[in-house]
């Protein structure tokens, strides 16, 4: 069995103003291996990129469509935005978890 909670760092500006680079997210992956977490429209999710499996995306699930979830960035004007507008719906099996909360690491001087 794997640990159902993981932390993920935000690296890009595509989800501003809700999430900023340097924010840390607490993500619920669920406890059942092979079964994607239950997602609702409006939730922030962590998903594998449909073409580049090594790339994790933090996006907002906007709608369930044939073929999977439509995932969008909150800040579509950010440089290098990658979301469903460029690759289409994301299959449910690529959804890794949903965001429970955001926190910031302690700043060091």
C-alpha atoms as a PDB file:
ATOM      1  CA  UNK A   1       0.000   0.000   0.000  1.00  0.00           C
ATOM      2  CA  UNK A   2       1.251   3.495  -0.779  1.00  0.00           C
ATOM      3  CA  UNK A   3       0.925   6.632   1.314  1.00  0.00           C
ATOM      4  CA  UNK A   4      -2.278   8.481   0.250  1.00  0.00           C
ATOM      5  CA  UNK A   5      -0.905  11.987   0.908  1.00  0.00           C
ATOM      6  CA  UNK A   6       2.018  13.534  -0.953  1.00  0.00           C
ATOM      7  CA  UNK A   7       3.429  17.024  -1.316  1.00  0.00           C
ATOM      8  CA  UNK A   8       4.024  18.708  -4.646  1.00  0.00           C
ATOM      9  CA  UNK A   9       5.873  21.953  -5.369  1.00  0.00           C
ATOM     10  CA  UNK A  10       4.439  24.523  -7.770  1.00  0.00           C
ATOM     11  CA  UNK A  11       7.059  25.521 -10.348  1.00  0.00           C
ATOM     12  CA  UNK A  12       5.252  27.590 -12.981  1.00  0.00           C
ATOM     13  CA  UNK A  13       2.946  30.621 -13.143  1.00  0.00           C
ATOM     14  CA  UNK A  14       0.070  29.003 -15.072  1.00  0.00           C
ATOM     15  CA  UNK A  15      -2.183  28.769 -11.983  1.00  0.00           C
ATOM     16  CA  UNK A  16      -1.713  32.328 -10.675  1.00  0.00           C
ATOM     17  CA  UNK A  17      -3.194  33.956  -8.673  1.00  0.00           C
ATOM     18  CA  UNK A  18      -4.454  30.808  -6.854  1.00  0.00           C
ATOM     19  CA  UNK A  19      -1.025  29.128  -6.861  1.00  0.00           C
ATOM     20  CA  UNK A  20       2.393  30.718  -7.207  1.00  0.00           C
ATOM     21  CA  UNK A  21       5.844  29.289  -7.869  1.00  0.00           C
ATOM     22  CA  UNK A  22       7.313  28.154  -4.559  1.00  0.00           C
ATOM     23  CA  UNK A  23       3.950  27.141  -3.059  1.00  0.00           C
ATOM     24  CA  UNK A  24       3.691  23.592  -1.775  1.00  0.00           C
ATOM     25  CA  UNK A  25       0.539  21.531  -2.173  1.00  0.00           C
ATOM     26  CA  UNK A  26      -0.809  18.700  -0.062  1.00  0.00           C
ATOM     27  CA  UNK A  27      -2.275  16.192  -2.538  1.00  0.00           C
ATOM     28  CA  UNK A  28      -4.653  13.292  -1.888  1.00  0.00           C
ATOM     29  CA  UNK A  29      -3.747  10.334  -4.112  1.00  0.00           C
ATOM     30  CA  UNK A  30      -6.212   7.933  -2.559  1.00  0.00           C
ATOM     31  CA  UNK A  31      -5.518   4.498  -1.191  1.00  0.00           C
ATOM     32  CA  UNK A  32      -6.570   2.221  -4.030  1.00  0.00           C
ATOM     33  CA  UNK A  33      -3.820   1.589  -6.554  1.00  0.00           C
ATOM     34  CA  UNK A  34      -5.039   1.590 -10.151  1.00  0.00           C
ATOM     35  CA  UNK A  35      -8.220   3.509  -9.354  1.00  0.00           C
ATOM     36  CA  UNK A  36      -8.156   7.255 -10.093  1.00  0.00           C
ATOM     37  CA  UNK A  37      -9.312   9.638  -7.355  1.00  0.00           C
ATOM     38  CA  UNK A  38     -12.849  10.985  -7.593  1.00  0.00           C
ATOM     39  CA  UNK A  39     -12.688  14.431  -9.205  1.00  0.00           C
ATOM     40  CA  UNK A  40     -15.311  17.190  -9.323  1.00  0.00           C
ATOM     41  CA  UNK A  41     -15.459  20.181 -11.678  1.00  0.00           C
ATOM     42  CA  UNK A  42     -13.593  23.136 -10.192  1.00  0.00           C
ATOM     43  CA  UNK A  43     -11.100  21.038  -8.232  1.00  0.00           C
ATOM     44  CA  UNK A  44      -7.364  21.511  -8.555  1.00  0.00           C
ATOM     45  CA  UNK A  45      -5.797  18.237  -9.665  1.00  0.00           C
ATOM     46  CA  UNK A  46      -2.371  16.765 -10.267  1.00  0.00           C
ATOM     47  CA  UNK A  47      -2.128  14.838 -13.542  1.00  0.00           C
ATOM     48  CA  UNK A  48       0.503  13.277 -15.766  1.00  0.00           C
ATOM     49  CA  UNK A  49       0.935  14.997 -19.122  1.00  0.00           C
ATOM     50  CA  UNK A  50      -0.752  12.830 -21.808  1.00  0.00           C
ATOM     51  CA  UNK A  51       2.357  12.829 -24.030  1.00  0.00           C
ATOM     52  CA  UNK A  52       5.230  13.436 -21.578  1.00  0.00           C
ATOM     53  CA  UNK A  53       4.620  11.000 -18.693  1.00  0.00           C
ATOM     54  CA  UNK A  54       7.555  12.477 -16.744  1.00  0.00           C
ATOM     55  CA  UNK A  55       5.769  15.854 -16.488  1.00  0.00           C
ATOM     56  CA  UNK A  56       3.284  16.495 -13.660  1.00  0.00           C
ATOM     57  CA  UNK A  57       0.644  19.169 -14.209  1.00  0.00           C
ATOM     58  CA  UNK A  58      -1.288  21.181 -11.632  1.00  0.00           C
ATOM     59  CA  UNK A  59      -4.547  22.258 -13.292  1.00  0.00           C
ATOM     60  CA  UNK A  60      -8.206  22.967 -12.627  1.00  0.00           C
ATOM     61  CA  UNK A  61     -10.631  20.231 -13.708  1.00  0.00           C
ATOM     62  CA  UNK A  62     -13.349  22.138 -15.557  1.00  0.00           C
ATOM     63  CA  UNK A  63     -15.478  19.433 -17.182  1.00  0.00           C
ATOM     64  CA  UNK A  64     -15.709  15.687 -17.655  1.00  0.00           C
ATOM     65  CA  UNK A  65     -15.786  14.935 -21.372  1.00  0.00           C
ATOM     66  CA  UNK A  66     -15.676  11.807 -23.505  1.00  0.00           C
ATOM     67  CA  UNK A  67     -12.077  10.661 -23.194  1.00  0.00           C
ATOM     68  CA  UNK A  68     -11.388  12.192 -19.802  1.00  0.00           C
ATOM     69  CA  UNK A  69     -11.162  15.449 -17.884  1.00  0.00           C
ATOM     70  CA  UNK A  70     -10.737  18.874 -19.440  1.00  0.00           C
ATOM     71  CA  UNK A  71      -7.928  20.535 -17.445  1.00  0.00           C
ATOM     72  CA  UNK A  72      -7.247  24.256 -17.693  1.00  0.00           C
ATOM     73  CA  UNK A  73      -4.789  26.785 -16.328  1.00  0.00           C
ATOM     74  CA  UNK A  74      -6.176  29.711 -14.325  1.00  0.00           C
ATOM     75  CA  UNK A  75      -3.682  32.057 -15.995  1.00  0.00           C
ATOM     76  CA  UNK A  76      -3.855  31.295 -19.714  1.00  0.00           C
ATOM     77  CA  UNK A  77      -1.670  34.366 -20.460  1.00  0.00           C
ATOM     78  CA  UNK A  78       1.364  32.891 -18.653  1.00  0.00           C
ATOM     79  CA  UNK A  79       4.332  31.953 -20.821  1.00  0.00           C
ATOM     80  CA  UNK A  80       4.459  28.303 -21.833  1.00  0.00           C
ATOM     81  CA  UNK A  81       0.973  27.339 -20.633  1.00  0.00           C
ATOM     82  CA  UNK A  82       0.240  23.666 -21.248  1.00  0.00           C
ATOM     83  CA  UNK A  83      -3.296  22.406 -20.654  1.00  0.00           C
ATOM     84  CA  UNK A  84      -6.235  20.716 -22.399  1.00  0.00           C
ATOM     85  CA  UNK A  85      -6.448  23.559 -24.912  1.00  0.00           C
ATOM     86  CA  UNK A  86      -3.248  22.155 -26.402  1.00  0.00           C
ATOM     87  CA  UNK A  87      -3.652  18.385 -25.877  1.00  0.00           C
ATOM     88  CA  UNK A  88      -7.364  17.733 -25.302  1.00  0.00           C
ATOM     89  CA  UNK A  89      -9.055  15.783 -22.495  1.00  0.00           C
ATOM     90  CA  UNK A  90      -6.814  13.939 -20.034  1.00  0.00           C
ATOM     91  CA  UNK A  91      -7.736  10.271 -19.484  1.00  0.00           C
ATOM     92  CA  UNK A  92      -8.903   9.550 -15.930  1.00  0.00           C
ATOM     93  CA  UNK A  93      -6.021   7.140 -15.407  1.00  0.00           C
ATOM     94  CA  UNK A  94      -3.559  10.050 -15.680  1.00  0.00           C
ATOM     95  CA  UNK A  95      -5.168  11.987 -12.821  1.00  0.00           C
ATOM     96  CA  UNK A  96      -2.795  11.388  -9.894  1.00  0.00           C
ATOM     97  CA  UNK A  97      -4.723  13.177  -7.143  1.00  0.00           C
ATOM     98  CA  UNK A  98      -6.452  16.342  -6.066  1.00  0.00           C
ATOM     99  CA  UNK A  99      -5.199  19.276  -4.021  1.00  0.00           C
ATOM    100  CA  UNK A 100      -6.299  19.376  -0.383  1.00  0.00           C
ATOM    101  CA  UNK A 101      -4.449  22.535   0.522  1.00  0.00           C
ATOM    102  CA  UNK A 102      -1.541  24.863  -0.067  1.00  0.00           C
ATOM    103  CA  UNK A 103       1.267  25.791   2.294  1.00  0.00           C
ATOM    104  CA  UNK A 104       4.545  27.655   2.141  1.00  0.00           C
ATOM    105  CA  UNK A 105       7.908  26.376   3.212  1.00  0.00           C
ATOM    106  CA  UNK A 106       9.718  28.373   5.859  1.00  0.00           C
ATOM    107  CA  UNK A 107      11.950  30.974   4.265  1.00  0.00           C
ATOM    108  CA  UNK A 108      15.647  30.829   5.160  1.00  0.00           C
ATOM    109  CA  UNK A 109      17.815  33.900   5.247  1.00  0.00           C
END
